[in-house]
Structure formats: structure tokens, C-alpha cells
PDB file of all heavy atoms in Angstrom:
ATOM      1  N   ASN A   1      43.168 -82.539  14.495  1.00  0.00           N
ATOM      2  CA  ASN A   1      41.913 -81.844  14.105  1.00  0.00           C
ATOM      3  C   ASN A   1      41.360 -82.404  12.807  1.00  0.00           C
ATOM      4  O   ASN A   1      40.139 -82.558  12.660  1.00  0.00           O
ATOM      5  CB  ASN A   1      42.168 -80.346  14.007  1.00  0.00           C
ATOM      6  CG  ASN A   1      42.281 -79.699  15.362  1.00  0.00           C
ATOM      7  OD1 ASN A   1      41.603 -80.047  16.311  1.00  0.00           O
ATOM      8  ND2 ASN A   1      43.163 -78.721  15.472  1.00  0.00           N
ATOM      9  N   ASN A   2      42.211 -82.709  11.847  1.00  0.00           N
ATOM     10  CA  ASN A   2      41.761 -83.215  10.555  1.00  0.00           C
ATOM     11  C   ASN A   2      41.293 -84.639  10.621  1.00  0.00           C
ATOM     12  O   ASN A   2      40.435 -85.045   9.835  1.00  0.00           O
ATOM     13  CB  ASN A   2      42.861 -83.078   9.493  1.00  0.00           C
ATOM     14  CG  ASN A   2      43.147 -81.614   9.152  1.00  0.00           C
ATOM     15  OD1 ASN A   2      42.305 -80.746   9.398  1.00  0.00           O
ATOM     16  ND2 ASN A   2      44.313 -81.361   8.578  1.00  0.00           N
ATOM     17  N   MET A   3      41.861 -85.453  11.512  1.00  0.00           N
ATOM     18  CA  MET A   3      41.523 -86.876  11.537  1.00  0.00           C
ATOM     19  C   MET A   3      40.595 -87.227  12.712  1.00  0.00           C
ATOM     20  O   MET A   3      39.492 -87.707  12.506  1.00  0.00           O
ATOM     21  CB  MET A   3      42.792 -87.719  11.635  1.00  0.00           C
ATOM     22  CG  MET A   3      43.754 -87.510  10.467  1.00  0.00           C
ATOM     23  SD  MET A   3      43.145 -88.172   8.935  1.00  0.00           S
ATOM     24  CE  MET A   3      44.151 -89.660   8.858  1.00  0.00           C
ATOM     25  N   LEU A   4      41.040 -86.958  13.953  1.00  0.00           N
ATOM     26  CA  LEU A   4      40.238 -87.388  15.105  1.00  0.00           C
ATOM     27  C   LEU A   4      38.942 -86.561  15.238  1.00  0.00           C
ATOM     28  O   LEU A   4      37.867 -87.144  15.385  1.00  0.00           O
ATOM     29  CB  LEU A   4      41.054 -87.269  16.394  1.00  0.00           C
ATOM     30  CG  LEU A   4      42.185 -88.260  16.576  1.00  0.00           C
ATOM     31  CD1 LEU A   4      42.792 -88.149  17.979  1.00  0.00           C
ATOM     32  CD2 LEU A   4      41.726 -89.703  16.340  1.00  0.00           C
ATOM     33  N   LEU A   5      39.065 -85.263  15.154  1.00  0.00           N
ATOM     34  CA  LEU A   5      37.862 -84.410  15.314  1.00  0.00           C
ATOM     35  C   LEU A   5      36.870 -84.686  14.173  1.00  0.00           C
ATOM     36  O   LEU A   5      35.647 -84.815  14.397  1.00  0.00           O
ATOM     37  CB  LEU A   5      38.249 -82.939  15.334  1.00  0.00           C
ATOM     38  CG  LEU A   5      37.090 -81.936  15.427  1.00  0.00           C
ATOM     39  CD1 LEU A   5      36.232 -82.174  16.672  1.00  0.00           C
ATOM     40  CD2 LEU A   5      37.588 -80.510  15.421  1.00  0.00           C
ATOM     41  N   THR A   6      37.395 -84.827  12.933  1.00  0.00           N
ATOM     42  CA  THR A   6      36.490 -85.108  11.801  1.00  0.00           C
ATOM     43  C   THR A   6      35.855 -86.480  11.939  1.00  0.00           C
ATOM     44  O   THR A   6      34.662 -86.655  11.619  1.00  0.00           O
ATOM     45  CB  THR A   6      37.295 -85.005  10.463  1.00  0.00           C
ATOM     46  OG1 THR A   6      38.015 -83.784  10.457  1.00  0.00           O
ATOM     47  CG2 THR A   6      36.335 -85.010   9.268  1.00  0.00           C
ATOM     48  N   ALA A   7      36.595 -87.437  12.475  1.00  0.00           N
ATOM     49  CA  ALA A   7      36.068 -88.796  12.666  1.00  0.00           C
ATOM     50  C   ALA A   7      34.936 -88.757  13.716  1.00  0.00           C
ATOM     51  O   ALA A   7      33.921 -89.432  13.575  1.00  0.00           O
ATOM     52  CB  ALA A   7      37.155 -89.755  13.104  1.00  0.00           C
ATOM     53  N   GLU A   8      35.166 -87.951  14.773  1.00  0.00           N
ATOM     54  CA  GLU A   8      34.125 -87.846  15.834  1.00  0.00           C
ATOM     55  C   GLU A   8      32.868 -87.225  15.255  1.00  0.00           C
ATOM     56  O   GLU A   8      31.736 -87.709  15.543  1.00  0.00           O
ATOM     57  CB  GLU A   8      34.673 -86.968  16.979  1.00  0.00           C
ATOM     58  CG  GLU A   8      35.758 -87.631  17.799  1.00  0.00           C
ATOM     59  CD  GLU A   8      36.615 -86.634  18.593  1.00  0.00           C
ATOM     60  OE1 GLU A   8      36.305 -85.412  18.596  1.00  0.00           O
ATOM     61  OE2 GLU A   8      37.609 -87.090  19.209  1.00  0.00           O
ATOM     62  N   LEU A   9      33.027 -86.167  14.465  1.00  0.00           N
ATOM     63  CA  LEU A   9      31.843 -85.537  13.827  1.00  0.00           C
ATOM     64  C   LEU A   9      31.163 -86.487  12.859  1.00  0.00           C
ATOM     65  O   LEU A   9      29.906 -86.572  12.816  1.00  0.00           O
ATOM     66  CB  LEU A   9      32.284 -84.255  13.090  1.00  0.00           C
ATOM     67  CG  LEU A   9      32.686 -83.102  13.977  1.00  0.00           C
ATOM     68  CD1 LEU A   9      33.372 -81.989  13.152  1.00  0.00           C
ATOM     69  CD2 LEU A   9      31.457 -82.496  14.684  1.00  0.00           C
ATOM     70  N   TYR A  10      31.951 -87.255  12.103  1.00  0.00           N
ATOM     71  CA  TYR A  10      31.357 -88.219  11.160  1.00  0.00           C
ATOM     72  C   TYR A  10      30.531 -89.262  11.933  1.00  0.00           C
ATOM     73  O   TYR A  10      29.375 -89.555  11.569  1.00  0.00           O
ATOM     74  CB  TYR A  10      32.494 -88.965  10.420  1.00  0.00           C
ATOM     75  CG  TYR A  10      31.988 -90.041   9.504  1.00  0.00           C
ATOM     76  CD1 TYR A  10      31.803 -89.827   8.133  1.00  0.00           C
ATOM     77  CD2 TYR A  10      31.739 -91.306  10.001  1.00  0.00           C
ATOM     78  CE1 TYR A  10      31.334 -90.823   7.282  1.00  0.00           C
ATOM     79  CE2 TYR A  10      31.268 -92.341   9.170  1.00  0.00           C
ATOM     80  CZ  TYR A  10      31.069 -92.091   7.827  1.00  0.00           C
ATOM     81  OH  TYR A  10      30.593 -93.119   7.018  1.00  0.00           O
ATOM     82  N   LEU A  11      31.110 -89.788  12.984  1.00  0.00           N
ATOM     83  CA  LEU A  11      30.426 -90.816  13.782  1.00  0.00           C
ATOM     84  C   LEU A  11      29.107 -90.278  14.357  1.00  0.00           C
ATOM     85  O   LEU A  11      28.099 -90.948  14.309  1.00  0.00           O
ATOM     86  CB  LEU A  11      31.343 -91.295  14.918  1.00  0.00           C
ATOM     87  CG  LEU A  11      31.006 -92.585  15.597  1.00  0.00           C
ATOM     88  CD1 LEU A  11      31.082 -93.777  14.603  1.00  0.00           C
ATOM     89  CD2 LEU A  11      31.925 -92.821  16.765  1.00  0.00           C
ATOM     90  N   GLN A  12      29.152 -89.040  14.891  1.00  0.00           N
ATOM     91  CA  GLN A  12      27.964 -88.438  15.515  1.00  0.00           C
ATOM     92  C   GLN A  12      26.874 -88.138  14.524  1.00  0.00           C
ATOM     93  O   GLN A  12      25.687 -88.286  14.864  1.00  0.00           O
ATOM     94  CB  GLN A  12      28.368 -87.119  16.167  1.00  0.00           C
ATOM     95  CG  GLN A  12      29.116 -87.264  17.459  1.00  0.00           C
ATOM     96  CD  GLN A  12      29.789 -85.983  17.896  1.00  0.00           C
ATOM     97  OE1 GLN A  12      30.575 -85.985  18.758  1.00  0.00           O
ATOM     98  NE2 GLN A  12      29.448 -84.856  17.301  1.00  0.00           N
ATOM     99  N   TRP A  13      27.234 -87.692  13.319  1.00  0.00           N
ATOM    100  CA  TRP A  13      26.251 -87.096  12.430  1.00  0.00           C
ATOM    101  C   TRP A  13      26.035 -87.847  11.110  1.00  0.00           C
ATOM    102  O   TRP A  13      25.092 -87.545  10.377  1.00  0.00           O
ATOM    103  CB  TRP A  13      26.570 -85.641  12.151  1.00  0.00           C
ATOM    104  CG  TRP A  13      26.515 -84.776  13.394  1.00  0.00           C
ATOM    105  CD1 TRP A  13      27.559 -84.326  14.096  1.00  0.00           C
ATOM    106  CD2 TRP A  13      25.354 -84.308  14.061  1.00  0.00           C
ATOM    107  NE1 TRP A  13      27.136 -83.575  15.181  1.00  0.00           N
ATOM    108  CE2 TRP A  13      25.762 -83.538  15.150  1.00  0.00           C
ATOM    109  CE3 TRP A  13      23.956 -84.408  13.798  1.00  0.00           C
ATOM    110  CZ2 TRP A  13      24.879 -82.914  16.066  1.00  0.00           C
ATOM    111  CZ3 TRP A  13      23.065 -83.814  14.687  1.00  0.00           C
ATOM    112  CH2 TRP A  13      23.547 -83.072  15.778  1.00  0.00           C
ATOM    113  N   CYS A  14      26.933 -88.821  10.826  1.00  0.00           N
ATOM    114  CA  CYS A  14      26.797 -89.540   9.537  1.00  0.00           C
ATOM    115  C   CYS A  14      26.579 -91.026   9.714  1.00  0.00           C
ATOM    116  O   CYS A  14      26.202 -91.692   8.750  1.00  0.00           O
ATOM    117  CB  CYS A  14      28.044 -89.303   8.690  1.00  0.00           C
ATOM    118  SG  CYS A  14      28.391 -87.588   8.305  1.00  0.00           S
ATOM    119  N   ASP A  15      26.834 -91.537  10.894  1.00  0.00           N
ATOM    120  CA  ASP A  15      26.527 -92.983  11.143  1.00  0.00           C
ATOM    121  C   ASP A  15      25.077 -93.083  11.628  1.00  0.00           C
ATOM    122  O   ASP A  15      24.730 -92.624  12.737  1.00  0.00           O
ATOM    123  CB  ASP A  15      27.494 -93.534  12.212  1.00  0.00           C
ATOM    124  CG  ASP A  15      27.178 -94.992  12.525  1.00  0.00           C
ATOM    125  OD1 ASP A  15      27.232 -95.836  11.630  1.00  0.00           O
ATOM    126  OD2 ASP A  15      26.825 -95.273  13.699  1.00  0.00           O
ATOM    127  N   ASP A  16      24.223 -93.653  10.798  1.00  0.00           N
ATOM    128  CA  ASP A  16      22.773 -93.580  11.038  1.00  0.00           C
ATOM    129  C   ASP A  16      22.335 -94.115  12.379  1.00  0.00           C
ATOM    130  O   ASP A  16      21.465 -93.533  13.056  1.00  0.00           O
ATOM    131  CB  ASP A  16      22.030 -94.326   9.907  1.00  0.00           C
ATOM    132  CG  ASP A  16      22.148 -93.573   8.585  1.00  0.00           C
ATOM    133  OD1 ASP A  16      22.397 -92.355   8.650  1.00  0.00           O
ATOM    134  OD2 ASP A  16      22.020 -94.203   7.519  1.00  0.00           O
ATOM    135  N   VAL A  17      22.930 -95.225  12.826  1.00  0.00           N
ATOM    136  CA  VAL A  17      22.512 -95.827  14.132  1.00  0.00           C
ATOM    137  C   VAL A  17      22.868 -94.849  15.254  1.00  0.00           C
ATOM    138  O   VAL A  17      22.071 -94.600  16.171  1.00  0.00           O
ATOM    139  CB  VAL A  17      23.184 -97.179  14.311  1.00  0.00           C
ATOM    140  CG1 VAL A  17      22.740 -97.786  15.675  1.00  0.00           C
ATOM    141  CG2 VAL A  17      22.839 -98.118  13.194  1.00  0.00           C
ATOM    142  N   THR A  18      24.091 -94.304  15.223  1.00  0.00           N
ATOM    143  CA  THR A  18      24.543 -93.354  16.257  1.00  0.00           C
ATOM    144  C   THR A  18      23.698 -92.117  16.260  1.00  0.00           C
ATOM    145  O   THR A  18      23.314 -91.604  17.327  1.00  0.00           O
ATOM    146  CB  THR A  18      26.013 -92.998  16.061  1.00  0.00           C
ATOM    147  OG1 THR A  18      26.805 -94.200  16.040  1.00  0.00           O
ATOM    148  CG2 THR A  18      26.555 -92.114  17.182  1.00  0.00           C
ATOM    149  N   VAL A  19      23.381 -91.629  15.050  1.00  0.00           N
ATOM    150  CA  VAL A  19      22.534 -90.413  14.928  1.00  0.00           C
ATOM    151  C   VAL A  19      21.175 -90.629  15.608  1.00  0.00           C
ATOM    152  O   VAL A  19      20.725 -89.835  16.427  1.00  0.00           O
ATOM    153  CB  VAL A  19      22.290 -90.071  13.430  1.00  0.00           C
ATOM    154  CG1 VAL A  19      21.224 -89.005  13.299  1.00  0.00           C
ATOM    155  CG2 VAL A  19      23.605 -89.544  12.823  1.00  0.00           C
ATOM    156  N   GLU A  20      20.564 -91.754  15.322  1.00  0.00           N
ATOM    157  CA  GLU A  20      19.232 -92.053  15.840  1.00  0.00           C
ATOM    158  C   GLU A  20      19.223 -92.351  17.339  1.00  0.00           C
ATOM    159  O   GLU A  20      18.356 -91.874  18.063  1.00  0.00           O
ATOM    160  CB  GLU A  20      18.642 -93.274  15.093  1.00  0.00           C
ATOM    161  CG  GLU A  20      17.164 -93.458  15.352  1.00  0.00           C
ATOM    162  CD  GLU A  20      16.592 -94.605  14.531  1.00  0.00           C
ATOM    163  OE1 GLU A  20      17.042 -94.855  13.406  1.00  0.00           O
ATOM    164  OE2 GLU A  20      15.694 -95.262  15.051  1.00  0.00           O
ATOM    165  N   GLU A  21      20.200 -93.128  17.788  1.00  0.00           N
ATOM    166  CA  GLU A  21      20.172 -93.574  19.171  1.00  0.00           C
ATOM    167  C   GLU A  21      20.837 -92.617  20.165  1.00  0.00           C
ATOM    168  O   GLU A  21      20.482 -92.607  21.330  1.00  0.00           O
ATOM    169  CB  GLU A  21      20.788 -94.982  19.304  1.00  0.00           C
ATOM    170  CG  GLU A  21      19.990 -96.038  18.571  1.00  0.00           C
ATOM    171  CD  GLU A  21      20.424 -97.417  18.964  1.00  0.00           C
ATOM    172  OE1 GLU A  21      21.050 -97.620  20.000  1.00  0.00           O
ATOM    173  OE2 GLU A  21      20.139 -98.345  18.154  1.00  0.00           O
ATOM    174  N   ILE A  22      21.825 -91.838  19.705  1.00  0.00           N
ATOM    175  CA  ILE A  22      22.572 -91.005  20.616  1.00  0.00           C
ATOM    176  C   ILE A  22      22.480 -89.516  20.259  1.00  0.00           C
ATOM    177  O   ILE A  22      22.092 -88.698  21.069  1.00  0.00           O
ATOM    178  CB  ILE A  22      24.078 -91.442  20.664  1.00  0.00           C
ATOM    179  CG1 ILE A  22      24.193 -92.813  21.303  1.00  0.00           C
ATOM    180  CG2 ILE A  22      24.910 -90.405  21.441  1.00  0.00           C
ATOM    181  CD1 ILE A  22      25.612 -93.381  21.282  1.00  0.00           C
ATOM    182  N   THR A  23      22.890 -89.196  19.015  1.00  0.00           N
ATOM    183  CA  THR A  23      23.100 -87.783  18.672  1.00  0.00           C
ATOM    184  C   THR A  23      21.843 -86.946  18.743  1.00  0.00           C
ATOM    185  O   THR A  23      21.793 -85.943  19.440  1.00  0.00           O
ATOM    186  CB  THR A  23      23.737 -87.658  17.259  1.00  0.00           C
ATOM    187  OG1 THR A  23      24.867 -88.546  17.188  1.00  0.00           O
ATOM    188  CG2 THR A  23      24.181 -86.240  16.988  1.00  0.00           C
ATOM    189  N   HIS A  24      20.793 -87.367  18.013  1.00  0.00           N
ATOM    190  CA  HIS A  24      19.553 -86.562  18.020  1.00  0.00           C
ATOM    191  C   HIS A  24      18.942 -86.431  19.394  1.00  0.00           C
ATOM    192  O   HIS A  24      18.591 -85.314  19.797  1.00  0.00           O
ATOM    193  CB  HIS A  24      18.568 -87.107  16.986  1.00  0.00           C
ATOM    194  CG  HIS A  24      18.845 -86.644  15.584  1.00  0.00           C
ATOM    195  ND1 HIS A  24      17.955 -86.837  14.540  1.00  0.00           N
ATOM    196  CD2 HIS A  24      19.893 -86.017  15.049  1.00  0.00           C
ATOM    197  CE1 HIS A  24      18.472 -86.333  13.415  1.00  0.00           C
ATOM    198  NE2 HIS A  24      19.646 -85.853  13.689  1.00  0.00           N
TER     199      HIS A  24
END
């Protein structure tokens, strides 16, 4: 929970390219 789940959330909401192309 502390590593994998947090990494998934980081990738979805803090990586700008992923945020723009996938998450939003």
C-alpha cells in the first residue's frame, strides 16, 4: 500500500504527460 499504491497514484496524478493523456 505504501509503495505500489502510492506509485500508481503518483503516476496517475503527478506525471504531467500521463495526467494530460490518460488520467483527466
